[in-house]
PDB file of N, CA and C in Angstrom:
ATOM      1  N   MET A   1      19.436  -8.773  -5.125  1.00  0.00           N
ATOM      2  CA  MET A   1      19.373  -7.560  -4.319  1.00  0.00           C
ATOM      3  C   MET A   1      17.917  -7.166  -4.085  1.00  0.00           C
ATOM      4  N   ASP A   2      17.597  -6.783  -2.871  1.00  0.00           N
ATOM      5  CA  ASP A   2      16.235  -6.392  -2.518  1.00  0.00           C
ATOM      6  C   ASP A   2      15.861  -5.048  -3.124  1.00  0.00           C
ATOM      7  N   HIS A   3      14.558  -4.887  -3.385  1.00  0.00           N
ATOM      8  CA  HIS A   3      14.020  -3.605  -3.817  1.00  0.00           C
ATOM      9  C   HIS A   3      13.857  -2.708  -2.591  1.00  0.00           C
ATOM     10  N   GLN A   4      13.941  -1.423  -2.808  1.00  0.00           N
ATOM     11  CA  GLN A   4      13.660  -0.448  -1.759  1.00  0.00           C
ATOM     12  C   GLN A   4      12.150  -0.218  -1.744  1.00  0.00           C
ATOM     13  N   ILE A   5      11.574  -0.035  -0.565  1.00  0.00           N
ATOM     14  CA  ILE A   5      10.155   0.275  -0.439  1.00  0.00           C
ATOM     15  C   ILE A   5      10.015   1.786  -0.261  1.00  0.00           C
ATOM     16  N   VAL A   6       9.216   2.420  -1.129  1.00  0.00           N
ATOM     17  CA  VAL A   6       8.936   3.854  -1.044  1.00  0.00           C
ATOM     18  C   VAL A   6       7.431   4.010  -0.896  1.00  0.00           C
ATOM     19  N   ILE A   7       7.015   4.766   0.094  1.00  0.00           N
ATOM     20  CA  ILE A   7       5.591   4.957   0.366  1.00  0.00           C
ATOM     21  C   ILE A   7       5.191   6.362  -0.061  1.00  0.00           C
ATOM     22  N   SER A   8       4.175   6.454  -0.914  1.00  0.00           N
ATOM     23  CA  SER A   8       3.723   7.752  -1.434  1.00  0.00           C
ATOM     24  C   SER A   8       3.092   8.598  -0.337  1.00  0.00           C
ATOM     25  N   ASP A   9       3.004   9.892  -0.607  1.00  0.00           N
ATOM     26  CA  ASP A   9       2.333  10.807   0.314  1.00  0.00           C
ATOM     27  C   ASP A   9       0.874  10.395   0.519  1.00  0.00           C
ATOM     28  N   GLU A  10       0.220   9.951  -0.566  1.00  0.00           N
ATOM     29  CA  GLU A  10      -1.175   9.516  -0.470  1.00  0.00           C
ATOM     30  C   GLU A  10      -1.305   8.293   0.428  1.00  0.00           C
ATOM     31  N   ALA A  11      -0.378   7.353   0.308  1.00  0.00           N
ATOM     32  CA  ALA A  11      -0.418   6.152   1.140  1.00  0.00           C
ATOM     33  C   ALA A  11      -0.172   6.489   2.606  1.00  0.00           C
ATOM     34  N   ILE A  12       0.726   7.429   2.859  1.00  0.00           N
ATOM     35  CA  ILE A  12       0.966   7.859   4.243  1.00  0.00           C
ATOM     36  C   ILE A  12      -0.299   8.496   4.810  1.00  0.00           C
ATOM     37  N   ALA A  13      -0.953   9.337   4.018  1.00  0.00           N
ATOM     38  CA  ALA A  13      -2.202   9.966   4.460  1.00  0.00           C
ATOM     39  C   ALA A  13      -3.280   8.912   4.705  1.00  0.00           C
ATOM     40  N   ASP A  14      -3.354   7.914   3.827  1.00  0.00           N
ATOM     41  CA  ASP A  14      -4.310   6.815   4.016  1.00  0.00           C
ATOM     42  C   ASP A  14      -4.061   6.118   5.349  1.00  0.00           C
ATOM     43  N   LEU A  15      -2.804   5.793   5.594  1.00  0.00           N
ATOM     44  CA  LEU A  15      -2.434   5.083   6.820  1.00  0.00           C
ATOM     45  C   LEU A  15      -2.781   5.912   8.056  1.00  0.00           C
ATOM     46  N   GLU A  16      -2.486   7.200   8.011  1.00  0.00           N
ATOM     47  CA  GLU A  16      -2.816   8.078   9.138  1.00  0.00           C
ATOM     48  C   GLU A  16      -4.328   8.121   9.373  1.00  0.00           C
ATOM     49  N   GLU A  17      -5.096   8.176   8.296  1.00  0.00           N
ATOM     50  CA  GLU A  17      -6.557   8.206   8.409  1.00  0.00           C
ATOM     51  C   GLU A  17      -7.095   6.901   9.006  1.00  0.00           C
ATOM     52  N   ILE A  18      -6.549   5.783   8.581  1.00  0.00           N
ATOM     53  CA  ILE A  18      -6.954   4.475   9.107  1.00  0.00           C
ATOM     54  C   ILE A  18      -6.680   4.405  10.607  1.00  0.00           C
ATOM     55  N   VAL A  19      -5.482   4.799  11.001  1.00  0.00           N
ATOM     56  CA  VAL A  19      -5.096   4.745  12.414  1.00  0.00           C
ATOM     57  C   VAL A  19      -5.966   5.701  13.234  1.00  0.00           C
ATOM     58  N   ARG A  20      -6.210   6.901  12.722  1.00  0.00           N
ATOM     59  CA  ARG A  20      -7.064   7.872  13.428  1.00  0.00           C
ATOM     60  C   ARG A  20      -8.478   7.315  13.637  1.00  0.00           C
ATOM     61  N   PHE A  21      -9.008   6.667  12.609  1.00  0.00           N
ATOM     62  CA  PHE A  21     -10.360   6.116  12.698  1.00  0.00           C
ATOM     63  C   PHE A  21     -10.433   5.030  13.768  1.00  0.00           C
ATOM     64  N   ILE A  22      -9.496   4.104  13.760  1.00  0.00           N
ATOM     65  CA  ILE A  22      -9.489   3.021  14.749  1.00  0.00           C
ATOM     66  C   ILE A  22      -9.240   3.570  16.147  1.00  0.00           C
ATOM     67  N   ALA A  23      -8.422   4.610  16.244  1.00  0.00           N
ATOM     68  CA  ALA A  23      -8.070   5.196  17.546  1.00  0.00           C
ATOM     69  C   ALA A  23      -9.268   5.810  18.259  1.00  0.00           C
ATOM     70  N   GLN A  24     -10.322   6.104  17.538  1.00  0.00           N
ATOM     71  CA  GLN A  24     -11.528   6.630  18.182  1.00  0.00           C
ATOM     72  C   GLN A  24     -12.052   5.637  19.221  1.00  0.00           C
ATOM     73  N   ASP A  25     -11.816   4.351  18.978  1.00  0.00           N
ATOM     74  CA  ASP A  25     -12.258   3.311  19.909  1.00  0.00           C
ATOM     75  C   ASP A  25     -11.122   2.781  20.778  1.00  0.00           C
ATOM     76  N   ASN A  26      -9.899   2.691  20.177  1.00  0.00           N
ATOM     77  CA  ASN A  26      -8.816   2.050  20.919  1.00  0.00           C
ATOM     78  C   ASN A  26      -7.471   2.466  20.315  1.00  0.00           C
ATOM     79  N   GLN A  27      -6.767   3.376  20.978  1.00  0.00           N
ATOM     80  CA  GLN A  27      -5.495   3.891  20.465  1.00  0.00           C
ATOM     81  C   GLN A  27      -4.448   2.790  20.324  1.00  0.00           C
ATOM     82  N   GLU A  28      -4.363   1.901  21.301  1.00  0.00           N
ATOM     83  CA  GLU A  28      -3.377   0.822  21.245  1.00  0.00           C
ATOM     84  C   GLU A  28      -3.633  -0.098  20.056  1.00  0.00           C
ATOM     85  N   ALA A  29      -4.881  -0.453  19.831  1.00  0.00           N
ATOM     86  CA  ALA A  29      -5.231  -1.295  18.686  1.00  0.00           C
ATOM     87  C   ALA A  29      -4.938  -0.571  17.368  1.00  0.00           C
ATOM     88  N   ALA A  30      -5.187   0.729  17.347  1.00  0.00           N
ATOM     89  CA  ALA A  30      -4.928   1.523  16.144  1.00  0.00           C
ATOM     90  C   ALA A  30      -3.436   1.519  15.805  1.00  0.00           C
ATOM     91  N   ASP A  31      -2.604   1.759  16.806  1.00  0.00           N
ATOM     92  CA  ASP A  31      -1.157   1.762  16.581  1.00  0.00           C
ATOM     93  C   ASP A  31      -0.677   0.388  16.115  1.00  0.00           C
ATOM     94  N   ARG A  32      -1.188  -0.638  16.756  1.00  0.00           N
ATOM     95  CA  ARG A  32      -0.800  -2.012  16.402  1.00  0.00           C
ATOM     96  C   ARG A  32      -1.213  -2.338  14.956  1.00  0.00           C
ATOM     97  N   PHE A  33      -2.440  -1.938  14.575  1.00  0.00           N
ATOM     98  CA  PHE A  33      -2.917  -2.213  13.226  1.00  0.00           C
ATOM     99  C   PHE A  33      -2.093  -1.446  12.184  1.00  0.00           C
ATOM    100  N   GLY A  34      -1.767  -0.199  12.482  1.00  0.00           N
ATOM    101  CA  GLY A  34      -0.931   0.583  11.566  1.00  0.00           C
ATOM    102  C   GLY A  34       0.423  -0.075  11.347  1.00  0.00           C
ATOM    103  N   ARG A  35       1.029  -0.571  12.425  1.00  0.00           N
ATOM    104  CA  ARG A  35       2.320  -1.277  12.300  1.00  0.00           C
ATOM    105  C   ARG A  35       2.173  -2.553  11.470  1.00  0.00           C
ATOM    106  N   LYS A  36       1.057  -3.256  11.646  1.00  0.00           N
ATOM    107  CA  LYS A  36       0.847  -4.495  10.885  1.00  0.00           C
ATOM    108  C   LYS A  36       0.636  -4.205   9.395  1.00  0.00           C
ATOM    109  N   LEU A  37      -0.058  -3.127   9.080  1.00  0.00           N
ATOM    110  CA  LEU A  37      -0.204  -2.747   7.673  1.00  0.00           C
ATOM    111  C   LEU A  37       1.163  -2.462   7.053  1.00  0.00           C
ATOM    112  N   LEU A  38       1.989  -1.712   7.767  1.00  0.00           N
ATOM    113  CA  LEU A  38       3.338  -1.425   7.262  1.00  0.00           C
ATOM    114  C   LEU A  38       4.166  -2.707   7.137  1.00  0.00           C
ATOM    115  N   ALA A  39       4.060  -3.569   8.113  1.00  0.00           N
ATOM    116  CA  ALA A  39       4.823  -4.824   8.070  1.00  0.00           C
ATOM    117  C   ALA A  39       4.391  -5.696   6.896  1.00  0.00           C
ATOM    118  N   SER A  40       3.131  -5.580   6.492  1.00  0.00           N
ATOM    119  CA  SER A  40       2.638  -6.426   5.401  1.00  0.00           C
ATOM    120  C   SER A  40       3.285  -6.096   4.059  1.00  0.00           C
ATOM    121  N   VAL A  41       3.886  -4.904   3.917  1.00  0.00           N
ATOM    122  CA  VAL A  41       4.531  -4.557   2.652  1.00  0.00           C
ATOM    123  C   VAL A  41       6.032  -4.860   2.652  1.00  0.00           C
ATOM    124  N   ARG A  42       6.603  -5.151   3.799  1.00  0.00           N
ATOM    125  CA  ARG A  42       8.052  -5.361   3.876  1.00  0.00           C
ATOM    126  C   ARG A  42       8.540  -6.516   3.008  1.00  0.00           C
ATOM    127  N   HIS A  43       7.753  -7.578   2.919  1.00  0.00           N
ATOM    128  CA  HIS A  43       8.185  -8.731   2.121  1.00  0.00           C
ATOM    129  C   HIS A  43       8.222  -8.430   0.619  1.00  0.00           C
ATOM    130  N   LEU A  44       7.619  -7.312   0.203  1.00  0.00           N
ATOM    131  CA  LEU A  44       7.688  -6.929  -1.210  1.00  0.00           C
ATOM    132  C   LEU A  44       9.105  -6.539  -1.628  1.00  0.00           C
ATOM    133  N   ALA A  45       9.949  -6.198  -0.679  1.00  0.00           N
ATOM    134  CA  ALA A  45      11.342  -5.883  -0.998  1.00  0.00           C
ATOM    135  C   ALA A  45      12.029  -7.098  -1.623  1.00  0.00           C
ATOM    136  N   GLN A  46      11.731  -8.272  -1.113  1.00  0.00           N
ATOM    137  CA  GLN A  46      12.334  -9.498  -1.642  1.00  0.00           C
ATOM    138  C   GLN A  46      11.490 -10.128  -2.735  1.00  0.00           C
ATOM    139  N   PHE A  47      10.167  -9.946  -2.652  1.00  0.00           N
ATOM    140  CA  PHE A  47       9.253 -10.589  -3.594  1.00  0.00           C
ATOM    141  C   PHE A  47       8.288  -9.556  -4.178  1.00  0.00           C
ATOM    142  N   PRO A  48       8.778  -8.649  -5.019  1.00  0.00           N
ATOM    143  CA  PRO A  48       7.935  -7.550  -5.494  1.00  0.00           C
ATOM    144  C   PRO A  48       6.752  -7.981  -6.358  1.00  0.00           C
ATOM    145  N   ARG A  49       6.807  -9.136  -6.961  1.00  0.00           N
ATOM    146  CA  ARG A  49       5.702  -9.593  -7.813  1.00  0.00           C
ATOM    147  C   ARG A  49       4.733 -10.523  -7.078  1.00  0.00           C
ATOM    148  N   LEU A  50       4.782 -10.475  -5.773  1.00  0.00           N
ATOM    149  CA  LEU A  50       3.917 -11.317  -4.964  1.00  0.00           C
ATOM    150  C   LEU A  50       2.440 -10.991  -5.172  1.00  0.00           C
ATOM    151  N   GLY A  51       2.118  -9.732  -5.285  1.00  0.00           N
ATOM    152  CA  GLY A  51       0.721  -9.322  -5.445  1.00  0.00           C
ATOM    153  C   GLY A  51       0.220  -9.530  -6.855  1.00  0.00           C
ATOM    154  N   ARG A  52      -1.090  -9.534  -6.979  1.00  0.00           N
ATOM    155  CA  ARG A  52      -1.700  -9.714  -8.305  1.00  0.00           C
ATOM    156  C   ARG A  52      -1.756  -8.387  -9.043  1.00  0.00           C
ATOM    157  N   VAL A  53      -1.760  -8.448 -10.372  1.00  0.00           N
ATOM    158  CA  VAL A  53      -1.976  -7.257 -11.199  1.00  0.00           C
ATOM    159  C   VAL A  53      -3.457  -6.917 -11.102  1.00  0.00           C
ATOM    160  N   VAL A  54      -3.760  -5.651 -10.859  1.00  0.00           N
ATOM    161  CA  VAL A  54      -5.152  -5.202 -10.734  1.00  0.00           C
ATOM    162  C   VAL A  54      -5.651  -4.815 -12.123  1.00  0.00           C
ATOM    163  N   PRO A  55      -6.608  -5.566 -12.665  1.00  0.00           N
ATOM    164  CA  PRO A  55      -7.059  -5.305 -14.046  1.00  0.00           C
ATOM    165  C   PRO A  55      -7.807  -3.990 -14.221  1.00  0.00           C
ATOM    166  N   ASP A  56      -8.281  -3.385 -13.135  1.00  0.00           N
ATOM    167  CA  ASP A  56      -9.051  -2.138 -13.230  1.00  0.00           C
ATOM    168  C   ASP A  56      -8.217  -0.949 -13.692  1.00  0.00           C
ATOM    169  N   TYR A  57      -6.913  -1.059 -13.614  1.00  0.00           N
ATOM    170  CA  TYR A  57      -6.028   0.040 -13.994  1.00  0.00           C
ATOM    171  C   TYR A  57      -5.345  -0.309 -15.311  1.00  0.00           C
ATOM    172  N   THR A  58      -6.070  -0.120 -16.383  1.00  0.00           N
ATOM    173  CA  THR A  58      -5.591  -0.450 -17.708  1.00  0.00           C
ATOM    174  C   THR A  58      -4.410   0.424 -18.096  1.00  0.00           C
ATOM    175  N   GLY A  59      -3.412  -0.178 -18.714  1.00  0.00           N
ATOM    176  CA  GLY A  59      -2.266   0.566 -19.198  1.00  0.00           C
ATOM    177  C   GLY A  59      -1.199   0.794 -18.156  1.00  0.00           C
ATOM    178  N   GLU A  60      -1.477   0.497 -16.903  1.00  0.00           N
ATOM    179  CA  GLU A  60      -0.491   0.624 -15.838  1.00  0.00           C
ATOM    180  C   GLU A  60      -0.381  -0.734 -15.171  1.00  0.00           C
ATOM    181  N   GLU A  61       0.782  -1.074 -14.739  1.00  0.00           N
ATOM    182  CA  GLU A  61       0.894  -2.311 -13.994  1.00  0.00           C
ATOM    183  C   GLU A  61       0.817  -1.995 -12.509  1.00  0.00           C
ATOM    184  N   ILE A  62      -0.406  -1.875 -12.064  1.00  0.00           N
ATOM    185  CA  ILE A  62      -0.673  -1.666 -10.644  1.00  0.00           C
ATOM    186  C   ILE A  62      -0.931  -3.042 -10.039  1.00  0.00           C
ATOM    187  N   ARG A  63      -0.256  -3.320  -8.955  1.00  0.00           N
ATOM    188  CA  ARG A  63      -0.434  -4.585  -8.256  1.00  0.00           C
ATOM    189  C   ARG A  63      -1.042  -4.313  -6.894  1.00  0.00           C
ATOM    190  N   GLU A  64      -1.537  -5.388  -6.264  1.00  0.00           N
ATOM    191  CA  GLU A  64      -2.082  -5.237  -4.927  1.00  0.00           C
ATOM    192  C   GLU A  64      -1.824  -6.484  -4.102  1.00  0.00           C
ATOM    193  N   ILE A  65      -1.684  -6.242  -2.817  1.00  0.00           N
ATOM    194  CA  ILE A  65      -1.726  -7.313  -1.841  1.00  0.00           C
ATOM    195  C   ILE A  65      -2.866  -6.963  -0.894  1.00  0.00           C
ATOM    196  N   ILE A  66      -3.367  -7.961  -0.217  1.00  0.00           N
ATOM    197  CA  ILE A  66      -4.494  -7.778   0.693  1.00  0.00           C
ATOM    198  C   ILE A  66      -4.022  -8.039   2.114  1.00  0.00           C
ATOM    199  N   TYR A  67      -4.412  -7.159   3.030  1.00  0.00           N
ATOM    200  CA  TYR A  67      -4.209  -7.400   4.456  1.00  0.00           C
ATOM    201  C   TYR A  67      -5.543  -7.138   5.138  1.00  0.00           C
ATOM    202  N   LYS A  68      -6.134  -8.198   5.655  1.00  0.00           N
ATOM    203  CA  LYS A  68      -7.468  -8.135   6.262  1.00  0.00           C
ATOM    204  C   LYS A  68      -8.424  -7.509   5.255  1.00  0.00           C
ATOM    205  N   SER A  69      -9.070  -6.386   5.577  1.00  0.00           N
ATOM    206  CA  SER A  69     -10.030  -5.753   4.657  1.00  0.00           C
ATOM    207  C   SER A  69      -9.394  -4.653   3.813  1.00  0.00           C
ATOM    208  N   TYR A  70      -8.074  -4.583   3.814  1.00  0.00           N
ATOM    209  CA  TYR A  70      -7.376  -3.496   3.132  1.00  0.00           C
ATOM    210  C   TYR A  70      -6.641  -3.978   1.894  1.00  0.00           C
ATOM    211  N   ARG A  71      -6.756  -3.185   0.852  1.00  0.00           N
ATOM    212  CA  ARG A  71      -6.024  -3.419  -0.389  1.00  0.00           C
ATOM    213  C   ARG A  71      -4.828  -2.471  -0.378  1.00  0.00           C
ATOM    214  N   ILE A  72      -3.654  -3.004  -0.630  1.00  0.00           N
ATOM    215  CA  ILE A  72      -2.440  -2.195  -0.664  1.00  0.00           C
ATOM    216  C   ILE A  72      -1.967  -2.181  -2.107  1.00  0.00           C
ATOM    217  N   PHE A  73      -2.103  -1.031  -2.746  1.00  0.00           N
ATOM    218  CA  PHE A  73      -1.784  -0.875  -4.160  1.00  0.00           C
ATOM    219  C   PHE A  73      -0.332  -0.433  -4.314  1.00  0.00           C
ATOM    220  N   TYR A  74       0.352  -1.022  -5.297  1.00  0.00           N
ATOM    221  CA  TYR A  74       1.751  -0.662  -5.519  1.00  0.00           C
ATOM    222  C   TYR A  74       2.148  -0.906  -6.965  1.00  0.00           C
ATOM    223  N   ARG A  75       3.279  -0.331  -7.333  1.00  0.00           N
ATOM    224  CA  ARG A  75       3.888  -0.602  -8.648  1.00  0.00           C
ATOM    225  C   ARG A  75       5.365  -0.859  -8.427  1.00  0.00           C
ATOM    226  N   ILE A  76       5.975  -1.486  -9.409  1.00  0.00           N
ATOM    227  CA  ILE A  76       7.387  -1.881  -9.317  1.00  0.00           C
ATOM    228  C   ILE A  76       8.177  -1.110 -10.363  1.00  0.00           C
ATOM    229  N   ASN A  77       9.350  -0.618  -9.964  1.00  0.00           N
ATOM    230  CA  ASN A  77      10.303  -0.043 -10.902  1.00  0.00           C
ATOM    231  C   ASN A  77      11.574  -0.883 -10.788  1.00  0.00           C
ATOM    232  N   ASP A  78      11.712  -1.848 -11.710  1.00  0.00           N
ATOM    233  CA  ASP A  78      12.865  -2.746 -11.654  1.00  0.00           C
ATOM    234  C   ASP A  78      14.173  -2.036 -11.982  1.00  0.00           C
ATOM    235  N   ASP A  79      14.120  -1.024 -12.856  1.00  0.00           N
ATOM    236  CA  ASP A  79      15.340  -0.299 -13.217  1.00  0.00           C
ATOM    237  C   ASP A  79      15.979   0.353 -11.991  1.00  0.00           C
ATOM    238  N   GLU A  80      15.139   0.887 -11.111  1.00  0.00           N
ATOM    239  CA  GLU A  80      15.643   1.560  -9.913  1.00  0.00           C
ATOM    240  C   GLU A  80      15.568   0.670  -8.673  1.00  0.00           C
ATOM    241  N   GLN A  81      15.067  -0.567  -8.852  1.00  0.00           N
ATOM    242  CA  GLN A  81      14.928  -1.509  -7.734  1.00  0.00           C
ATOM    243  C   GLN A  81      14.058  -0.931  -6.618  1.00  0.00           C
ATOM    244  N   VAL A  82      12.878  -0.412  -7.018  1.00  0.00           N
ATOM    245  CA  VAL A  82      11.969   0.230  -6.074  1.00  0.00           C
ATOM    246  C   VAL A  82      10.580  -0.391  -6.175  1.00  0.00           C
ATOM    247  N   VAL A  83       9.968  -0.623  -5.023  1.00  0.00           N
ATOM    248  CA  VAL A  83       8.548  -0.931  -4.933  1.00  0.00           C
ATOM    249  C   VAL A  83       7.898   0.323  -4.369  1.00  0.00           C
ATOM    250  N   TYR A  84       6.987   0.880  -5.141  1.00  0.00           N
ATOM    251  CA  TYR A  84       6.332   2.142  -4.807  1.00  0.00           C
ATOM    252  C   TYR A  84       4.933   1.843  -4.264  1.00  0.00           C
ATOM    253  N   ILE A  85       4.719   2.064  -2.982  1.00  0.00           N
ATOM    254  CA  ILE A  85       3.418   1.838  -2.361  1.00  0.00           C
ATOM    255  C   ILE A  85       2.553   3.065  -2.652  1.00  0.00           C
ATOM    256  N   ALA A  86       1.467   2.859  -3.403  1.00  0.00           N
ATOM    257  CA  ALA A  86       0.630   3.975  -3.839  1.00  0.00           C
ATOM    258  C   ALA A  86      -0.502   4.289  -2.868  1.00  0.00           C
ATOM    259  N   ARG A  87      -1.181   3.264  -2.339  1.00  0.00           N
ATOM    260  CA  ARG A  87      -2.340   3.493  -1.466  1.00  0.00           C
ATOM    261  C   ARG A  87      -2.530   2.333  -0.495  1.00  0.00           C
ATOM    262  N   PHE A  88      -3.060   2.657   0.684  1.00  0.00           N
ATOM    263  CA  PHE A  88      -3.636   1.697   1.627  1.00  0.00           C
ATOM    264  C   PHE A  88      -5.130   2.001   1.582  1.00  0.00           C
ATOM    265  N   TRP A  89      -5.977   1.037   1.197  1.00  0.00           N
ATOM    266  CA  TRP A  89      -7.359   1.359   0.896  1.00  0.00           C
ATOM    267  C   TRP A  89      -8.300   0.286   1.420  1.00  0.00           C
ATOM    268  N   HIS A  90      -9.339   0.681   2.152  1.00  0.00           N
ATOM    269  CA  HIS A  90     -10.324  -0.287   2.622  1.00  0.00           C
ATOM    270  C   HIS A  90     -11.129  -0.778   1.425  1.00  0.00           C
ATOM    271  N   ALA A  91     -11.307  -2.075   1.327  1.00  0.00           N
ATOM    272  CA  ALA A  91     -11.960  -2.685   0.171  1.00  0.00           C
ATOM    273  C   ALA A  91     -13.395  -2.190  -0.025  1.00  0.00           C
ATOM    274  N   ALA A  92     -14.074  -1.816   1.039  1.00  0.00           N
ATOM    275  CA  ALA A  92     -15.457  -1.356   0.923  1.00  0.00           C
ATOM    276  C   ALA A  92     -15.572   0.028   0.301  1.00  0.00           C
ATOM    277  N   ARG A  93     -14.456   0.727   0.136  1.00  0.00           N
ATOM    278  CA  ARG A  93     -14.489   2.098  -0.387  1.00  0.00           C
ATOM    279  C   ARG A  93     -14.394   2.165  -1.901  1.00  0.00           C
ATOM    280  N   GLY A  94     -14.401   1.045  -2.597  1.00  0.00           N
ATOM    281  CA  GLY A  94     -14.301   1.064  -4.053  1.00  0.00           C
ATOM    282  C   GLY A  94     -12.865   1.202  -4.507  1.00  0.00           C
ATOM    283  N   GLU A  95     -12.675   1.810  -5.664  1.00  0.00           N
ATOM    284  CA  GLU A  95     -11.341   1.941  -6.250  1.00  0.00           C
ATOM    285  C   GLU A  95     -10.753   3.321  -5.945  1.00  0.00           C
ATOM    286  N   PRO A  96      -9.515   3.367  -5.464  1.00  0.00           N
ATOM    287  CA  PRO A  96      -8.886   4.666  -5.199  1.00  0.00           C
ATOM    288  C   PRO A  96      -8.253   5.261  -6.446  1.00  0.00           C
ATOM    289  N   GLU A  97      -7.974   6.540  -6.383  1.00  0.00           N
ATOM    290  CA  GLU A  97      -7.145   7.165  -7.414  1.00  0.00           C
ATOM    291  C   GLU A  97      -5.696   6.804  -7.085  1.00  0.00           C
ATOM    292  N   ILE A  98      -4.982   6.337  -8.103  1.00  0.00           N
ATOM    293  CA  ILE A  98      -3.581   5.935  -7.912  1.00  0.00           C
ATOM    294  C   ILE A  98      -2.697   7.040  -8.476  1.00  0.00           C
ATOM    295  N   PRO A  99      -1.746   7.525  -7.684  1.00  0.00           N
ATOM    296  CA  PRO A  99      -0.819   8.551  -8.200  1.00  0.00           C
ATOM    297  C   PRO A  99      -0.107   8.032  -9.459  1.00  0.00           C
ATOM    298  N   LYS A 100       0.117   8.929 -10.402  1.00  0.00           N
ATOM    299  CA  LYS A 100       0.694   8.550 -11.694  1.00  0.00           C
ATOM    300  C   LYS A 100       2.194   8.335 -11.667  1.00  0.00           C
ATOM    301  N   ASP A 101       2.898   8.901 -10.711  1.00  0.00           N
ATOM    302  CA  ASP A 101       4.357   8.770 -10.702  1.00  0.00           C
ATOM    303  C   ASP A 101       4.857   8.445  -9.310  1.00  0.00           C
ATOM    304  N   GLU A 102       6.127   8.178  -9.215  1.00  0.00           N
ATOM    305  CA  GLU A 102       6.741   7.785  -7.951  1.00  0.00           C
ATOM    306  C   GLU A 102       6.905   8.951  -6.989  1.00  0.00           C
ATOM    307  N   GLU A 103       6.616  10.136  -7.413  1.00  0.00           N
ATOM    308  CA  GLU A 103       6.720  11.289  -6.522  1.00  0.00           C
ATOM    309  C   GLU A 103       5.510  11.383  -5.612  1.00  0.00           C
ATOM    310  N   GLY A 104       4.452  10.594  -5.929  1.00  0.00           N
ATOM    311  CA  GLY A 104       3.254  10.624  -5.097  1.00  0.00           C
ATOM    312  C   GLY A 104       2.299  11.612  -5.628  1.00  0.00           C
TER     313      GLY A 104
END
């Protein structure tokens, strides 16, 4: 059975900020890129352990996948069959704060 994908409030805000920034130059490209970022997490429903464990977050099993210059941080809750998307983050911005729970 596939995991459900849940996107945190912080990740939604990240995505909106990314799209807004790109839209300053090209709205169509911004919309397309936002859709591609979202599409890049869909396969986690079937393969939640696809991403690597990020060692910078000690004591938590935070994983990440990479799409272009963006790091997509997430955690897995196997008991509830949920992949929780915590952040969409440009790699040049350093390490983001990751929400502590699935509520965002």
